[in-house]
Amino acid sequence: MTRFVLAAFERLQARSWVALSLGVALEAAVTTAIGTSGVKRVRGIGGESAVLVALFGALLGGPLIGCAMALAGWAVFFPLVADDRPASVVALPVWLVTTYVVGRVSEALVEAQQTLVRRELDNRAAHALRTPVATIHGMVQALRVHDLPPAEREKVLGLIESETGGLLQSDVLASQQDS
C-alpha cells in the first residue's frame, strides 16, 4: 500500500503544473466558500481549512505546490475570512513554512522509494549475472588446467558459448543497451 501511495505522489510531483493548477483552484474554491458563508464566524475554520488544503497539496505535489496553494489560500483568506485584520498577516509565513516542510518530507519519501527500487533492480541484476559468470569462469579454468580430449573441449566451449549467448540476450543486459 505504501508503495502505491508513494508512486502516486511521484506521478503528481512529476506533473507539477497539473498539481499546481488543481491545487490553487481547490484552495481558492474552499477558502472562498468559507469566506462567503456564515461558517467564517466559527473561530479558525477558514484558516484551518485553507492551510489543511495547502498541506495536502504539499504532500501530493511537493513544497513549491504547497507554498503556491498556501499563498493562494491566504490571498483569499485575508480579505474574505480575516476581514483584512493585520494580525492575520502572521498566518502567511506560518502557512508557507509548514507547507514547505511537509512538501520536502513528501519529496524525501518519494526519493527514498526511488532509491529502494533502484537498489532492488541492481540486486536482481547482480544475482542474474553472478551465476552464469561463475559458470563461465569455472569452464575457462577447466580448459586451462585440464588437458581435455577434443570432444570434451568442444563440449565445454559449447557450454561457454551457450552461457555467454544467454547473458547477451538477458533482460539485464538488454535493458542496459536501451539506456
N, C-alpha and C. Protein backbone atom coordinates (compact mmCIF):
# COMPACT_ATOMS: atom_id res chain seq x y z
N MET A 1 0.83 -1.19 0.00
CA MET A 1 0.00 0.00 0.00
C MET A 1 0.87 1.25 0.00
N THR A 2 1.94 1.23 0.80
CA THR A 2 2.83 2.38 0.89
C THR A 2 3.47 2.67 -0.47
N ARG A 3 3.89 1.62 -1.16
CA ARG A 3 4.49 1.80 -2.49
C ARG A 3 3.51 2.45 -3.45
N PHE A 4 2.25 2.03 -3.38
CA PHE A 4 1.23 2.58 -4.25
C PHE A 4 1.05 4.07 -3.98
N VAL A 5 0.97 4.43 -2.72
CA VAL A 5 0.78 5.84 -2.34
C VAL A 5 1.98 6.66 -2.78
N LEU A 6 3.19 6.17 -2.50
CA LEU A 6 4.40 6.91 -2.90
C LEU A 6 4.52 7.01 -4.41
N ALA A 7 4.09 5.98 -5.12
CA ALA A 7 4.11 6.03 -6.59
C ALA A 7 3.13 7.09 -7.09
N ALA A 8 1.99 7.21 -6.45
CA ALA A 8 1.02 8.25 -6.82
C ALA A 8 1.60 9.63 -6.55
N PHE A 9 2.26 9.79 -5.41
CA PHE A 9 2.92 11.06 -5.09
C PHE A 9 3.97 11.39 -6.15
N GLU A 10 4.75 10.39 -6.54
CA GLU A 10 5.80 10.59 -7.53
C GLU A 10 5.21 11.06 -8.85
N ARG A 11 4.10 10.43 -9.27
CA ARG A 11 3.47 10.84 -10.53
C ARG A 11 2.95 12.28 -10.45
N LEU A 12 2.35 12.63 -9.33
CA LEU A 12 1.85 14.00 -9.19
C LEU A 12 2.99 15.01 -9.13
N GLN A 13 4.07 14.66 -8.43
CA GLN A 13 5.19 15.58 -8.33
C GLN A 13 5.88 15.75 -9.68
N ALA A 14 5.79 14.74 -10.53
CA ALA A 14 6.38 14.85 -11.87
C ALA A 14 5.52 15.73 -12.79
N ARG A 15 4.26 15.86 -12.47
CA ARG A 15 3.34 16.70 -13.26
C ARG A 15 2.96 17.91 -12.42
N SER A 16 3.93 18.71 -12.09
CA SER A 16 3.71 19.80 -11.14
C SER A 16 2.71 20.83 -11.64
N TRP A 17 2.65 21.08 -12.93
CA TRP A 17 1.71 22.09 -13.42
C TRP A 17 0.27 21.65 -13.23
N VAL A 18 0.00 20.33 -13.34
CA VAL A 18 -1.35 19.82 -13.11
C VAL A 18 -1.69 19.96 -11.63
N ALA A 19 -0.77 19.53 -10.77
CA ALA A 19 -0.99 19.62 -9.33
C ALA A 19 -1.16 21.08 -8.91
N LEU A 20 -0.36 21.96 -9.48
CA LEU A 20 -0.45 23.39 -9.14
C LEU A 20 -1.79 23.97 -9.56
N SER A 21 -2.20 23.70 -10.77
CA SER A 21 -3.47 24.23 -11.27
C SER A 21 -4.65 23.75 -10.44
N LEU A 22 -4.70 22.43 -10.22
CA LEU A 22 -5.79 21.87 -9.44
C LEU A 22 -5.75 22.34 -7.99
N GLY A 23 -4.55 22.40 -7.44
CA GLY A 23 -4.40 22.80 -6.05
C GLY A 23 -4.81 24.24 -5.79
N VAL A 24 -4.36 25.14 -6.63
CA VAL A 24 -4.70 26.56 -6.45
C VAL A 24 -6.20 26.76 -6.65
N ALA A 25 -6.78 26.09 -7.63
CA ALA A 25 -8.23 26.20 -7.85
C ALA A 25 -9.00 25.65 -6.65
N LEU A 26 -8.57 24.51 -6.13
CA LEU A 26 -9.23 23.93 -4.95
C LEU A 26 -9.09 24.85 -3.74
N GLU A 27 -7.90 25.36 -3.55
CA GLU A 27 -7.63 26.26 -2.42
C GLU A 27 -8.52 27.50 -2.50
N ALA A 28 -8.58 28.10 -3.66
CA ALA A 28 -9.42 29.30 -3.83
C ALA A 28 -10.89 28.97 -3.63
N ALA A 29 -11.33 27.84 -4.14
CA ALA A 29 -12.74 27.46 -4.01
C ALA A 29 -13.12 27.21 -2.55
N VAL A 30 -12.29 26.46 -1.82
CA VAL A 30 -12.59 26.15 -0.43
C VAL A 30 -12.59 27.42 0.41
N THR A 31 -11.56 28.23 0.26
CA THR A 31 -11.45 29.45 1.07
C THR A 31 -12.55 30.45 0.71
N THR A 32 -12.88 30.56 -0.56
CA THR A 32 -13.96 31.46 -0.97
C THR A 32 -15.29 30.98 -0.41
N ALA A 33 -15.54 29.68 -0.47
CA ALA A 33 -16.79 29.13 0.06
C ALA A 33 -16.91 29.41 1.55
N ILE A 34 -15.83 29.26 2.28
CA ILE A 34 -15.86 29.54 3.72
C ILE A 34 -16.01 31.03 3.97
N GLY A 35 -15.29 31.84 3.19
CA GLY A 35 -15.31 33.28 3.40
C GLY A 35 -16.62 33.95 3.04
N THR A 36 -17.39 33.33 2.17
CA THR A 36 -18.65 33.95 1.75
C THR A 36 -19.86 33.32 2.42
N SER A 37 -19.62 32.41 3.34
CA SER A 37 -20.74 31.79 4.06
C SER A 37 -20.71 32.24 5.52
N GLY A 38 -21.68 31.82 6.28
CA GLY A 38 -21.72 32.16 7.70
C GLY A 38 -20.75 31.34 8.52
N VAL A 39 -20.10 30.35 7.91
CA VAL A 39 -19.18 29.47 8.62
C VAL A 39 -17.96 30.23 9.13
N LYS A 40 -17.58 31.31 8.47
CA LYS A 40 -16.35 32.02 8.84
C LYS A 40 -16.44 32.58 10.27
N ARG A 41 -17.64 32.68 10.81
CA ARG A 41 -17.77 33.16 12.18
C ARG A 41 -17.30 32.13 13.20
N VAL A 42 -17.17 30.87 12.76
CA VAL A 42 -16.65 29.83 13.64
C VAL A 42 -15.14 30.03 13.70
N ARG A 43 -14.64 30.26 14.88
CA ARG A 43 -13.24 30.63 15.08
C ARG A 43 -12.28 29.64 14.42
N GLY A 44 -11.43 30.16 13.53
CA GLY A 44 -10.34 29.39 12.94
C GLY A 44 -10.70 28.52 11.76
N ILE A 45 -11.98 28.28 11.49
CA ILE A 45 -12.32 27.32 10.45
C ILE A 45 -11.82 27.73 9.07
N GLY A 46 -11.84 29.02 8.77
CA GLY A 46 -11.36 29.46 7.46
C GLY A 46 -9.87 29.23 7.28
N GLY A 47 -9.10 29.65 8.27
CA GLY A 47 -7.65 29.47 8.18
C GLY A 47 -7.24 28.02 8.26
N GLU A 48 -7.87 27.28 9.16
CA GLU A 48 -7.52 25.86 9.30
C GLU A 48 -7.84 25.09 8.04
N SER A 49 -8.97 25.38 7.45
CA SER A 49 -9.35 24.69 6.22
C SER A 49 -8.39 25.03 5.08
N ALA A 50 -8.05 26.31 4.97
CA ALA A 50 -7.16 26.73 3.89
C ALA A 50 -5.77 26.12 4.03
N VAL A 51 -5.23 26.13 5.23
CA VAL A 51 -3.89 25.57 5.42
C VAL A 51 -3.93 24.05 5.29
N LEU A 52 -5.02 23.41 5.68
CA LEU A 52 -5.13 21.96 5.52
C LEU A 52 -5.12 21.57 4.05
N VAL A 53 -5.82 22.31 3.23
CA VAL A 53 -5.82 22.05 1.79
C VAL A 53 -4.41 22.26 1.22
N ALA A 54 -3.72 23.32 1.67
CA ALA A 54 -2.35 23.58 1.20
C ALA A 54 -1.40 22.47 1.65
N LEU A 55 -1.57 21.97 2.87
CA LEU A 55 -0.73 20.88 3.35
C LEU A 55 -0.96 19.61 2.54
N PHE A 56 -2.19 19.35 2.19
CA PHE A 56 -2.49 18.20 1.35
C PHE A 56 -1.83 18.37 -0.02
N GLY A 57 -1.88 19.59 -0.55
CA GLY A 57 -1.21 19.87 -1.82
C GLY A 57 0.30 19.68 -1.72
N ALA A 58 0.89 20.10 -0.61
CA ALA A 58 2.33 19.93 -0.40
C ALA A 58 2.69 18.45 -0.31
N LEU A 59 1.85 17.68 0.34
CA LEU A 59 2.07 16.25 0.49
C LEU A 59 2.05 15.56 -0.88
N LEU A 60 1.09 15.93 -1.70
CA LEU A 60 0.96 15.29 -3.02
C LEU A 60 1.88 15.89 -4.07
N GLY A 61 2.04 17.21 -4.06
CA GLY A 61 2.75 17.87 -5.15
C GLY A 61 4.15 18.35 -4.83
N GLY A 62 4.52 18.37 -3.56
CA GLY A 62 5.85 18.86 -3.19
C GLY A 62 5.79 20.25 -2.59
N PRO A 63 6.94 20.77 -2.17
CA PRO A 63 6.96 22.03 -1.43
C PRO A 63 6.52 23.25 -2.22
N LEU A 64 6.90 23.34 -3.47
CA LEU A 64 6.52 24.52 -4.25
C LEU A 64 5.02 24.55 -4.52
N ILE A 65 4.44 23.40 -4.78
CA ILE A 65 2.99 23.32 -4.99
C ILE A 65 2.29 23.72 -3.70
N GLY A 66 2.73 23.18 -2.58
CA GLY A 66 2.13 23.50 -1.29
C GLY A 66 2.22 24.98 -0.97
N CYS A 67 3.39 25.57 -1.22
CA CYS A 67 3.57 27.00 -0.94
C CYS A 67 2.69 27.85 -1.85
N ALA A 68 2.59 27.47 -3.12
CA ALA A 68 1.72 28.22 -4.04
C ALA A 68 0.26 28.12 -3.60
N MET A 69 -0.14 26.94 -3.13
CA MET A 69 -1.50 26.78 -2.65
C MET A 69 -1.73 27.58 -1.37
N ALA A 70 -0.74 27.57 -0.48
CA ALA A 70 -0.86 28.35 0.76
C ALA A 70 -0.97 29.83 0.44
N LEU A 71 -0.18 30.29 -0.49
CA LEU A 71 -0.23 31.70 -0.89
C LEU A 71 -1.59 32.05 -1.50
N ALA A 72 -2.09 31.17 -2.36
CA ALA A 72 -3.41 31.41 -2.97
C ALA A 72 -4.51 31.39 -1.91
N GLY A 73 -4.41 30.42 -1.01
CA GLY A 73 -5.41 30.33 0.05
C GLY A 73 -5.39 31.53 0.96
N TRP A 74 -4.19 31.98 1.29
CA TRP A 74 -4.06 33.15 2.16
C TRP A 74 -4.56 34.41 1.46
N ALA A 75 -4.31 34.50 0.15
CA ALA A 75 -4.75 35.67 -0.61
C ALA A 75 -6.27 35.79 -0.60
N VAL A 76 -6.96 34.66 -0.54
CA VAL A 76 -8.43 34.68 -0.45
C VAL A 76 -8.86 34.80 1.01
N PHE A 77 -8.13 34.11 1.89
CA PHE A 77 -8.44 34.11 3.32
C PHE A 77 -8.36 35.51 3.93
N PHE A 78 -7.30 36.23 3.59
CA PHE A 78 -7.06 37.53 4.24
C PHE A 78 -8.23 38.50 4.03
N PRO A 79 -8.70 38.74 2.80
CA PRO A 79 -9.81 39.69 2.67
C PRO A 79 -11.18 39.11 3.02
N LEU A 80 -11.40 37.82 2.72
CA LEU A 80 -12.75 37.27 2.90
C LEU A 80 -13.01 36.71 4.30
N VAL A 81 -12.02 36.05 4.87
CA VAL A 81 -12.22 35.39 6.16
C VAL A 81 -11.67 36.24 7.29
N ALA A 82 -10.47 36.75 7.13
CA ALA A 82 -9.82 37.51 8.20
C ALA A 82 -10.27 38.97 8.21
N ASP A 83 -11.03 39.35 7.23
CA ASP A 83 -11.51 40.73 7.12
C ASP A 83 -10.37 41.75 7.19
N ASP A 84 -9.28 41.43 6.53
CA ASP A 84 -8.10 42.31 6.44
C ASP A 84 -7.51 42.70 7.80
N ARG A 85 -7.71 41.88 8.82
CA ARG A 85 -7.13 42.19 10.13
C ARG A 85 -5.62 42.01 10.07
N PRO A 86 -4.87 43.01 10.51
CA PRO A 86 -3.41 42.95 10.44
C PRO A 86 -2.81 41.74 11.17
N ALA A 87 -3.43 41.29 12.23
CA ALA A 87 -2.90 40.15 12.97
C ALA A 87 -2.87 38.89 12.10
N SER A 88 -3.72 38.84 11.08
CA SER A 88 -3.79 37.66 10.21
C SER A 88 -2.63 37.59 9.23
N VAL A 89 -1.84 38.66 9.14
CA VAL A 89 -0.67 38.65 8.26
C VAL A 89 0.33 37.59 8.73
N VAL A 90 0.36 37.33 10.03
CA VAL A 90 1.27 36.34 10.60
C VAL A 90 0.98 34.95 10.05
N ALA A 91 -0.24 34.71 9.63
CA ALA A 91 -0.59 33.38 9.12
C ALA A 91 0.19 33.02 7.87
N LEU A 92 0.48 33.98 7.02
CA LEU A 92 1.14 33.69 5.74
C LEU A 92 2.49 33.00 5.93
N PRO A 93 3.43 33.57 6.70
CA PRO A 93 4.71 32.85 6.83
C PRO A 93 4.58 31.50 7.53
N VAL A 94 3.66 31.39 8.47
CA VAL A 94 3.44 30.11 9.15
C VAL A 94 2.94 29.08 8.14
N TRP A 95 1.98 29.46 7.31
CA TRP A 95 1.46 28.55 6.30
C TRP A 95 2.56 28.15 5.32
N LEU A 96 3.34 29.13 4.87
CA LEU A 96 4.39 28.85 3.88
C LEU A 96 5.45 27.91 4.44
N VAL A 97 5.90 28.17 5.65
CA VAL A 97 6.94 27.31 6.26
C VAL A 97 6.40 25.90 6.46
N THR A 98 5.19 25.81 6.98
CA THR A 98 4.60 24.49 7.25
C THR A 98 4.43 23.69 5.97
N THR A 99 3.87 24.31 4.95
CA THR A 99 3.66 23.58 3.70
C THR A 99 4.99 23.23 3.03
N TYR A 100 5.98 24.10 3.16
CA TYR A 100 7.29 23.79 2.58
C TYR A 100 7.89 22.55 3.25
N VAL A 101 7.83 22.51 4.57
CA VAL A 101 8.40 21.37 5.31
C VAL A 101 7.67 20.08 4.95
N VAL A 102 6.35 20.12 4.92
CA VAL A 102 5.58 18.92 4.55
C VAL A 102 5.91 18.49 3.12
N GLY A 103 6.04 19.45 2.22
CA GLY A 103 6.39 19.12 0.84
C GLY A 103 7.77 18.51 0.71
N ARG A 104 8.73 19.02 1.48
CA ARG A 104 10.09 18.45 1.44
C ARG A 104 10.11 17.03 1.98
N VAL A 105 9.35 16.80 3.06
CA VAL A 105 9.27 15.44 3.62
C VAL A 105 8.66 14.50 2.58
N SER A 106 7.63 14.96 1.89
CA SER A 106 7.00 14.15 0.84
C SER A 106 8.00 13.83 -0.27
N GLU A 107 8.73 14.84 -0.72
CA GLU A 107 9.75 14.60 -1.76
C GLU A 107 10.82 13.63 -1.27
N ALA A 108 11.23 13.77 -0.03
CA ALA A 108 12.25 12.87 0.53
C ALA A 108 11.75 11.43 0.56
N LEU A 109 10.48 11.24 0.89
CA LEU A 109 9.91 9.89 0.89
C LEU A 109 9.88 9.30 -0.52
N VAL A 110 9.50 10.11 -1.48
CA VAL A 110 9.48 9.65 -2.87
C VAL A 110 10.89 9.30 -3.34
N GLU A 111 11.87 10.15 -3.01
CA GLU A 111 13.26 9.88 -3.40
C GLU A 111 13.77 8.61 -2.74
N ALA A 112 13.42 8.40 -1.48
CA ALA A 112 13.84 7.18 -0.78
C ALA A 112 13.23 5.95 -1.45
N GLN A 113 11.97 6.05 -1.84
CA GLN A 113 11.32 4.94 -2.53
C GLN A 113 12.00 4.65 -3.87
N GLN A 114 12.34 5.69 -4.61
CA GLN A 114 13.03 5.51 -5.89
C GLN A 114 14.39 4.84 -5.69
N THR A 115 15.10 5.25 -4.66
CA THR A 115 16.40 4.65 -4.35
C THR A 115 16.23 3.18 -4.00
N LEU A 116 15.22 2.86 -3.22
CA LEU A 116 14.96 1.48 -2.85
C LEU A 116 14.66 0.63 -4.08
N VAL A 117 13.86 1.14 -4.99
CA VAL A 117 13.52 0.41 -6.21
C VAL A 117 14.78 0.18 -7.05
N ARG A 118 15.61 1.24 -7.18
CA ARG A 118 16.86 1.09 -7.94
C ARG A 118 17.77 0.03 -7.32
N ARG A 119 17.87 0.03 -6.00
CA ARG A 119 18.72 -0.96 -5.33
C ARG A 119 18.20 -2.37 -5.56
N GLU A 120 16.88 -2.53 -5.48
CA GLU A 120 16.30 -3.85 -5.73
C GLU A 120 16.61 -4.32 -7.15
N LEU A 121 16.49 -3.43 -8.12
CA LEU A 121 16.82 -3.78 -9.51
C LEU A 121 18.29 -4.13 -9.66
N ASP A 122 19.16 -3.36 -9.02
CA ASP A 122 20.60 -3.64 -9.07
C ASP A 122 20.91 -5.00 -8.44
N ASN A 123 20.26 -5.31 -7.33
CA ASN A 123 20.49 -6.61 -6.67
C ASN A 123 20.03 -7.76 -7.55
N ARG A 124 18.87 -7.59 -8.20
CA ARG A 124 18.38 -8.64 -9.10
C ARG A 124 19.33 -8.82 -10.29
N ALA A 125 19.83 -7.70 -10.81
CA ALA A 125 20.75 -7.77 -11.95
C ALA A 125 22.04 -8.47 -11.53
N ALA A 126 22.57 -8.14 -10.37
CA ALA A 126 23.80 -8.77 -9.89
C ALA A 126 23.59 -10.27 -9.71
N HIS A 127 22.44 -10.64 -9.16
CA HIS A 127 22.15 -12.06 -8.96
C HIS A 127 22.01 -12.77 -10.30
N ALA A 128 21.35 -12.12 -11.26
CA ALA A 128 21.15 -12.73 -12.57
C ALA A 128 22.47 -12.92 -13.32
N LEU A 129 23.44 -12.05 -13.05
CA LEU A 129 24.73 -12.15 -13.73
C LEU A 129 25.71 -13.08 -13.01
N ARG A 130 25.61 -13.15 -11.70
CA ARG A 130 26.60 -13.90 -10.91
C ARG A 130 26.68 -15.37 -11.30
N THR A 131 25.56 -16.05 -11.45
CA THR A 131 25.56 -17.49 -11.74
C THR A 131 26.18 -17.81 -13.10
N PRO A 132 25.73 -17.16 -14.18
CA PRO A 132 26.36 -17.50 -15.47
C PRO A 132 27.84 -17.12 -15.53
N VAL A 133 28.22 -16.02 -14.91
CA VAL A 133 29.62 -15.61 -14.93
C VAL A 133 30.47 -16.62 -14.16
N ALA A 134 29.96 -17.10 -13.03
CA ALA A 134 30.69 -18.12 -12.25
C ALA A 134 30.83 -19.41 -13.05
N THR A 135 29.79 -19.78 -13.77
CA THR A 135 29.84 -20.99 -14.61
C THR A 135 30.88 -20.84 -15.71
N ILE A 136 30.86 -19.70 -16.38
CA ILE A 136 31.84 -19.44 -17.46
C ILE A 136 33.25 -19.45 -16.89
N HIS A 137 33.45 -18.81 -15.76
CA HIS A 137 34.77 -18.75 -15.13
C HIS A 137 35.27 -20.18 -14.83
N GLY A 138 34.40 -21.00 -14.28
CA GLY A 138 34.79 -22.38 -13.96
C GLY A 138 35.14 -23.18 -15.20
N MET A 139 34.41 -22.98 -16.27
CA MET A 139 34.68 -23.70 -17.52
C MET A 139 36.02 -23.27 -18.13
N VAL A 140 36.31 -21.97 -18.09
CA VAL A 140 37.58 -21.48 -18.62
C VAL A 140 38.74 -22.05 -17.81
N GLN A 141 38.58 -22.10 -16.49
CA GLN A 141 39.63 -22.68 -15.64
C GLN A 141 39.81 -24.17 -15.96
N ALA A 142 38.71 -24.87 -16.21
CA ALA A 142 38.80 -26.29 -16.56
C ALA A 142 39.57 -26.47 -17.86
N LEU A 143 39.34 -25.58 -18.81
CA LEU A 143 40.06 -25.68 -20.08
C LEU A 143 41.56 -25.43 -19.88
N ARG A 144 41.89 -24.51 -18.99
CA ARG A 144 43.30 -24.19 -18.76
C ARG A 144 44.02 -25.29 -17.99
N VAL A 145 43.37 -25.83 -17.00
CA VAL A 145 44.03 -26.77 -16.08
C VAL A 145 44.09 -28.18 -16.64
N HIS A 146 43.01 -28.58 -17.25
CA HIS A 146 42.93 -29.98 -17.71
C HIS A 146 43.19 -30.07 -19.21
N ASP A 147 43.92 -31.11 -19.55
CA ASP A 147 44.16 -31.39 -20.96
C ASP A 147 43.01 -32.28 -21.42
N LEU A 148 41.98 -31.62 -21.92
CA LEU A 148 40.76 -32.34 -22.27
C LEU A 148 40.86 -32.89 -23.69
N PRO A 149 40.24 -34.05 -23.89
CA PRO A 149 40.17 -34.57 -25.26
C PRO A 149 39.35 -33.60 -26.12
N PRO A 150 39.57 -33.60 -27.42
CA PRO A 150 38.88 -32.65 -28.30
C PRO A 150 37.35 -32.65 -28.14
N ALA A 151 36.74 -33.80 -27.97
CA ALA A 151 35.28 -33.86 -27.84
C ALA A 151 34.83 -33.14 -26.55
N GLU A 152 35.56 -33.39 -25.45
CA GLU A 152 35.23 -32.74 -24.18
C GLU A 152 35.49 -31.23 -24.27
N ARG A 153 36.58 -30.88 -24.92
CA ARG A 153 36.93 -29.46 -25.09
C ARG A 153 35.83 -28.74 -25.88
N GLU A 154 35.34 -29.34 -26.95
CA GLU A 154 34.26 -28.75 -27.75
C GLU A 154 32.98 -28.63 -26.92
N LYS A 155 32.73 -29.62 -26.06
CA LYS A 155 31.54 -29.58 -25.21
C LYS A 155 31.63 -28.38 -24.24
N VAL A 156 32.80 -28.19 -23.63
CA VAL A 156 32.99 -27.07 -22.70
C VAL A 156 32.89 -25.74 -23.46
N LEU A 157 33.51 -25.65 -24.63
CA LEU A 157 33.41 -24.43 -25.44
C LEU A 157 31.95 -24.15 -25.84
N GLY A 158 31.20 -25.21 -26.15
CA GLY A 158 29.78 -25.05 -26.47
C GLY A 158 28.99 -24.51 -25.28
N LEU A 159 29.33 -25.00 -24.07
CA LEU A 159 28.67 -24.50 -22.86
C LEU A 159 29.01 -23.03 -22.61
N ILE A 160 30.28 -22.70 -22.83
CA ILE A 160 30.69 -21.30 -22.67
C ILE A 160 29.94 -20.42 -23.66
N GLU A 161 29.86 -20.87 -24.89
CA GLU A 161 29.13 -20.11 -25.91
C GLU A 161 27.66 -19.97 -25.53
N SER A 162 27.06 -21.04 -25.02
CA SER A 162 25.65 -21.00 -24.62
C SER A 162 25.43 -20.03 -23.46
N GLU A 163 26.31 -20.08 -22.46
CA GLU A 163 26.18 -19.18 -21.30
C GLU A 163 26.37 -17.71 -21.71
N THR A 164 27.37 -17.44 -22.55
CA THR A 164 27.60 -16.05 -22.96
C THR A 164 26.46 -15.56 -23.86
N GLY A 165 25.95 -16.45 -24.73
CA GLY A 165 24.81 -16.08 -25.57
C GLY A 165 23.59 -15.75 -24.73
N GLY A 166 23.36 -16.56 -23.69
CA GLY A 166 22.25 -16.29 -22.79
C GLY A 166 22.41 -14.97 -22.06
N LEU A 167 23.64 -14.67 -21.66
CA LEU A 167 23.90 -13.38 -21.00
C LEU A 167 23.63 -12.22 -21.94
N LEU A 168 24.10 -12.34 -23.18
CA LEU A 168 23.92 -11.25 -24.13
C LEU A 168 22.45 -11.01 -24.46
N GLN A 169 21.61 -12.05 -24.35
CA GLN A 169 20.19 -11.89 -24.64
C GLN A 169 19.35 -11.68 -23.38
N SER A 170 20.00 -11.62 -22.21
CA SER A 170 19.25 -11.49 -20.97
C SER A 170 18.61 -10.12 -20.84
N ASP A 171 17.56 -10.05 -20.04
CA ASP A 171 16.87 -8.78 -19.78
C ASP A 171 17.80 -7.76 -19.15
N VAL A 172 18.72 -8.25 -18.31
CA VAL A 172 19.62 -7.34 -17.60
C VAL A 172 20.49 -6.55 -18.58
N LEU A 173 21.10 -7.25 -19.53
CA LEU A 173 21.98 -6.57 -20.49
C LEU A 173 21.17 -5.85 -21.56
N ALA A 174 20.01 -6.39 -21.92
CA ALA A 174 19.17 -5.72 -22.92
C ALA A 174 18.70 -4.37 -22.40
N SER A 175 18.35 -4.29 -21.11
CA SER A 175 17.90 -3.01 -20.55
C SER A 175 19.05 -2.02 -20.48
N GLN A 176 20.28 -2.49 -20.36
CA GLN A 176 21.43 -1.59 -20.32
C GLN A 176 21.71 -1.01 -21.71
N GLN A 177 21.44 -1.79 -22.75
CA GLN A 177 21.66 -1.30 -24.11
C GLN A 177 20.63 -0.25 -24.49
N ASP A 178 19.41 -0.35 -23.93
CA ASP A 178 18.35 0.59 -24.25
C ASP A 178 18.59 1.94 -23.59
N SER A 179 19.35 1.99 -22.50
CA SER A 179 19.53 3.26 -21.77
C SER A 179 20.46 4.19 -22.47
